[in-house]
Amino acid sequence: MDAIVKLTAQGTDRYGRTLGDTDDKGSAQKAMLRSGHACVYPKFIVEKALVDMQDLARTKRLGLWALPEGIEPQHWRQQMRT
């Protein structure tokens, strides 16, 4: 589905990617967490509600949590290094 979305930039990350939030259509971050298509990085957590959304998606086995080897990206990268 094609849609026009307005992004309010709130800065950049260490890789130069724009950080921000979408317009009144809702938070892309929250939608992705609810559907299991994003993960919270504990090191950068600001809202506990985000962890709750991720936990619910994991419990429901949505998105990446539907995979038998569902694992948070930071833990997967750590395993690959060893």
N, C-alpha and C. Protein backbone atom coordinates (compact mmCIF):
# COMPACT_ATOMS: atom_id res chain seq x y z
N MET A 1 0.84 -1.18 0.00
CA MET A 1 0.00 0.00 0.00
C MET A 1 0.88 1.24 0.00
N ASP A 2 0.67 2.10 -0.95
CA ASP A 2 1.41 3.35 -1.02
C ASP A 2 0.71 4.40 -0.17
N ALA A 3 1.49 5.17 0.54
CA ALA A 3 0.92 6.23 1.36
C ALA A 3 1.95 7.34 1.52
N ILE A 4 1.47 8.52 1.67
CA ILE A 4 2.35 9.66 1.94
C ILE A 4 2.36 9.86 3.45
N VAL A 5 3.53 9.88 4.01
CA VAL A 5 3.68 10.02 5.46
C VAL A 5 4.63 11.18 5.73
N LYS A 6 4.27 12.00 6.67
CA LYS A 6 5.12 13.13 7.07
C LYS A 6 5.97 12.67 8.25
N LEU A 7 7.26 12.90 8.16
CA LEU A 7 8.20 12.55 9.23
C LEU A 7 8.70 13.82 9.89
N THR A 8 8.63 13.85 11.19
CA THR A 8 9.20 14.95 11.96
C THR A 8 10.56 14.48 12.45
N ALA A 9 11.61 15.01 11.86
CA ALA A 9 12.97 14.60 12.21
C ALA A 9 13.31 15.07 13.62
N GLN A 10 13.99 14.18 14.36
CA GLN A 10 14.39 14.51 15.73
C GLN A 10 15.88 14.32 15.94
N GLY A 11 16.62 14.25 14.85
CA GLY A 11 18.05 14.09 14.96
C GLY A 11 18.54 12.95 14.07
N THR A 12 19.78 12.56 14.27
CA THR A 12 20.36 11.45 13.51
C THR A 12 21.07 10.50 14.47
N ASP A 13 21.21 9.25 14.02
CA ASP A 13 21.96 8.30 14.83
C ASP A 13 23.43 8.32 14.44
N ARG A 14 24.20 7.44 15.01
CA ARG A 14 25.66 7.48 14.77
C ARG A 14 26.03 7.09 13.34
N TYR A 15 25.07 6.55 12.58
CA TYR A 15 25.32 6.18 11.19
C TYR A 15 24.79 7.24 10.22
N GLY A 16 24.26 8.33 10.77
CA GLY A 16 23.75 9.40 9.94
C GLY A 16 22.31 9.21 9.49
N ARG A 17 21.62 8.19 10.00
CA ARG A 17 20.23 7.96 9.64
C ARG A 17 19.33 8.93 10.42
N THR A 18 18.29 9.40 9.76
CA THR A 18 17.36 10.33 10.40
C THR A 18 16.49 9.59 11.41
N LEU A 19 16.38 10.16 12.59
CA LEU A 19 15.49 9.65 13.63
C LEU A 19 14.30 10.58 13.72
N GLY A 20 13.13 10.02 13.91
CA GLY A 20 11.96 10.88 14.02
C GLY A 20 10.70 10.08 14.21
N ASP A 21 9.58 10.74 14.06
CA ASP A 21 8.29 10.11 14.23
C ASP A 21 7.39 10.55 13.09
N THR A 22 6.36 9.74 12.85
CA THR A 22 5.44 10.03 11.77
C THR A 22 4.33 10.95 12.24
N ASP A 23 3.54 11.39 11.28
CA ASP A 23 2.44 12.31 11.58
C ASP A 23 1.31 11.60 12.32
N ASP A 24 0.11 12.13 12.24
CA ASP A 24 -1.00 11.63 13.04
C ASP A 24 -1.48 10.22 12.67
N LYS A 25 -0.84 9.58 11.72
CA LYS A 25 -1.20 8.21 11.38
C LYS A 25 -0.68 7.24 12.44
N GLY A 26 0.06 7.73 13.40
CA GLY A 26 0.57 6.88 14.48
C GLY A 26 2.07 6.68 14.39
N SER A 27 2.60 6.09 15.41
CA SER A 27 4.03 5.88 15.50
C SER A 27 4.43 4.63 14.73
N ALA A 28 5.31 4.79 13.76
CA ALA A 28 5.82 3.65 12.99
C ALA A 28 6.55 2.69 13.93
N GLN A 29 7.29 3.24 14.87
CA GLN A 29 8.04 2.43 15.83
C GLN A 29 7.10 1.52 16.61
N LYS A 30 6.01 2.08 17.12
CA LYS A 30 5.07 1.30 17.92
C LYS A 30 4.35 0.26 17.07
N ALA A 31 3.98 0.63 15.84
CA ALA A 31 3.32 -0.32 14.95
C ALA A 31 4.24 -1.49 14.65
N MET A 32 5.52 -1.21 14.42
CA MET A 32 6.48 -2.28 14.12
C MET A 32 6.72 -3.16 15.34
N LEU A 33 6.78 -2.57 16.52
CA LEU A 33 6.95 -3.37 17.75
C LEU A 33 5.74 -4.26 17.98
N ARG A 34 4.54 -3.70 17.81
CA ARG A 34 3.31 -4.47 18.04
C ARG A 34 3.20 -5.65 17.09
N SER A 35 3.70 -5.49 15.87
CA SER A 35 3.58 -6.56 14.87
C SER A 35 4.78 -7.51 14.89
N GLY A 36 5.75 -7.24 15.75
CA GLY A 36 6.91 -8.12 15.84
C GLY A 36 7.96 -7.88 14.77
N HIS A 37 7.93 -6.71 14.14
CA HIS A 37 8.87 -6.39 13.07
C HIS A 37 9.95 -5.41 13.49
N ALA A 38 10.09 -5.22 14.79
CA ALA A 38 11.14 -4.36 15.33
C ALA A 38 11.45 -4.83 16.75
N CYS A 39 12.59 -4.44 17.24
CA CYS A 39 13.01 -4.80 18.60
C CYS A 39 13.42 -3.56 19.37
N VAL A 40 13.23 -3.63 20.66
CA VAL A 40 13.68 -2.58 21.56
C VAL A 40 15.13 -2.90 21.93
N TYR A 41 15.99 -1.92 21.87
CA TYR A 41 17.35 -2.09 22.34
C TYR A 41 17.40 -1.59 23.77
N PRO A 42 17.55 -2.50 24.74
CA PRO A 42 17.49 -2.11 26.16
C PRO A 42 18.41 -0.95 26.52
N LYS A 43 19.53 -0.87 25.84
CA LYS A 43 20.51 0.18 26.12
C LYS A 43 19.94 1.58 25.84
N PHE A 44 18.98 1.65 24.91
CA PHE A 44 18.45 2.95 24.48
C PHE A 44 16.99 3.15 24.87
N ILE A 45 16.44 2.31 25.72
CA ILE A 45 15.01 2.38 26.03
C ILE A 45 14.64 3.67 26.73
N VAL A 46 13.54 4.23 26.32
CA VAL A 46 13.03 5.46 26.93
C VAL A 46 11.69 5.18 27.59
N GLU A 47 10.85 4.38 26.93
CA GLU A 47 9.51 4.09 27.44
C GLU A 47 9.34 2.61 27.74
N LYS A 48 8.90 2.28 28.94
CA LYS A 48 8.63 0.88 29.29
C LYS A 48 7.53 0.30 28.41
N ALA A 49 6.60 1.14 27.96
CA ALA A 49 5.51 0.68 27.11
C ALA A 49 6.03 0.02 25.84
N LEU A 50 7.20 0.47 25.35
CA LEU A 50 7.78 -0.13 24.15
C LEU A 50 8.20 -1.57 24.42
N VAL A 51 8.78 -1.81 25.59
CA VAL A 51 9.16 -3.17 25.97
C VAL A 51 7.92 -4.04 26.09
N ASP A 52 6.85 -3.48 26.66
CA ASP A 52 5.60 -4.23 26.81
C ASP A 52 5.04 -4.63 25.44
N MET A 53 5.12 -3.72 24.47
CA MET A 53 4.64 -4.03 23.11
C MET A 53 5.45 -5.16 22.50
N GLN A 54 6.76 -5.10 22.69
CA GLN A 54 7.63 -6.16 22.17
C GLN A 54 7.32 -7.49 22.85
N ASP A 55 7.14 -7.47 24.16
CA ASP A 55 6.84 -8.69 24.91
C ASP A 55 5.53 -9.33 24.46
N LEU A 56 4.53 -8.49 24.17
CA LEU A 56 3.25 -9.01 23.72
C LEU A 56 3.39 -9.67 22.33
N ALA A 57 4.14 -9.01 21.45
CA ALA A 57 4.37 -9.60 20.11
C ALA A 57 5.11 -10.92 20.24
N ARG A 58 6.07 -10.99 21.15
CA ARG A 58 6.83 -12.23 21.37
C ARG A 58 5.89 -13.32 21.89
N THR A 59 5.04 -12.98 22.85
CA THR A 59 4.09 -13.94 23.41
C THR A 59 3.15 -14.47 22.34
N LYS A 60 2.70 -13.57 21.45
CA LYS A 60 1.78 -13.96 20.37
C LYS A 60 2.50 -14.59 19.18
N ARG A 61 3.84 -14.62 19.25
CA ARG A 61 4.68 -15.17 18.18
C ARG A 61 4.42 -14.48 16.84
N LEU A 62 4.47 -13.14 16.88
CA LEU A 62 4.26 -12.33 15.69
C LEU A 62 5.59 -11.94 15.07
N GLY A 63 5.59 -11.70 13.77
CA GLY A 63 6.78 -11.19 13.08
C GLY A 63 7.99 -12.08 13.27
N LEU A 64 9.11 -11.49 13.67
CA LEU A 64 10.33 -12.28 13.84
C LEU A 64 10.21 -13.28 14.98
N TRP A 65 9.27 -13.07 15.89
CA TRP A 65 9.07 -14.00 17.00
C TRP A 65 8.33 -15.26 16.55
N ALA A 66 7.81 -15.27 15.32
CA ALA A 66 7.14 -16.47 14.79
C ALA A 66 8.17 -17.51 14.36
N LEU A 67 9.39 -17.07 14.13
CA LEU A 67 10.45 -17.99 13.70
C LEU A 67 10.88 -18.86 14.87
N PRO A 68 11.18 -20.13 14.60
CA PRO A 68 11.62 -21.02 15.68
C PRO A 68 12.86 -20.47 16.39
N GLU A 69 13.72 -19.81 15.63
CA GLU A 69 14.95 -19.25 16.22
C GLU A 69 14.81 -17.77 16.52
N GLY A 70 13.57 -17.30 16.73
CA GLY A 70 13.34 -15.88 17.01
C GLY A 70 14.27 -15.38 18.10
N ILE A 71 15.11 -14.42 17.73
CA ILE A 71 16.12 -13.90 18.65
C ILE A 71 16.30 -12.41 18.38
N GLU A 72 16.56 -11.66 19.40
CA GLU A 72 16.77 -10.23 19.24
C GLU A 72 18.05 -10.00 18.42
N PRO A 73 18.02 -9.03 17.50
CA PRO A 73 19.16 -8.79 16.62
C PRO A 73 20.49 -8.61 17.36
N GLN A 74 20.48 -7.90 18.49
CA GLN A 74 21.74 -7.67 19.19
C GLN A 74 22.32 -8.99 19.73
N HIS A 75 21.46 -9.92 20.13
CA HIS A 75 21.95 -11.21 20.61
C HIS A 75 22.43 -12.07 19.45
N TRP A 76 21.75 -11.99 18.30
CA TRP A 76 22.18 -12.74 17.12
C TRP A 76 23.56 -12.26 16.68
N ARG A 77 23.76 -10.94 16.62
CA ARG A 77 25.07 -10.40 16.21
C ARG A 77 26.16 -10.85 17.17
N GLN A 78 25.83 -10.85 18.47
CA GLN A 78 26.80 -11.28 19.48
C GLN A 78 27.21 -12.74 19.26
N GLN A 79 26.24 -13.59 18.94
CA GLN A 79 26.52 -15.01 18.68
C GLN A 79 27.39 -15.18 17.45
N MET A 80 27.17 -14.35 16.44
CA MET A 80 27.93 -14.45 15.18
C MET A 80 29.39 -14.05 15.38
N ARG A 81 29.64 -13.21 16.35
CA ARG A 81 31.03 -12.77 16.61
C ARG A 81 31.86 -13.84 17.29
N THR A 82 31.21 -14.76 18.00
CA THR A 82 31.96 -15.78 18.74
C THR A 82 32.12 -17.05 17.97
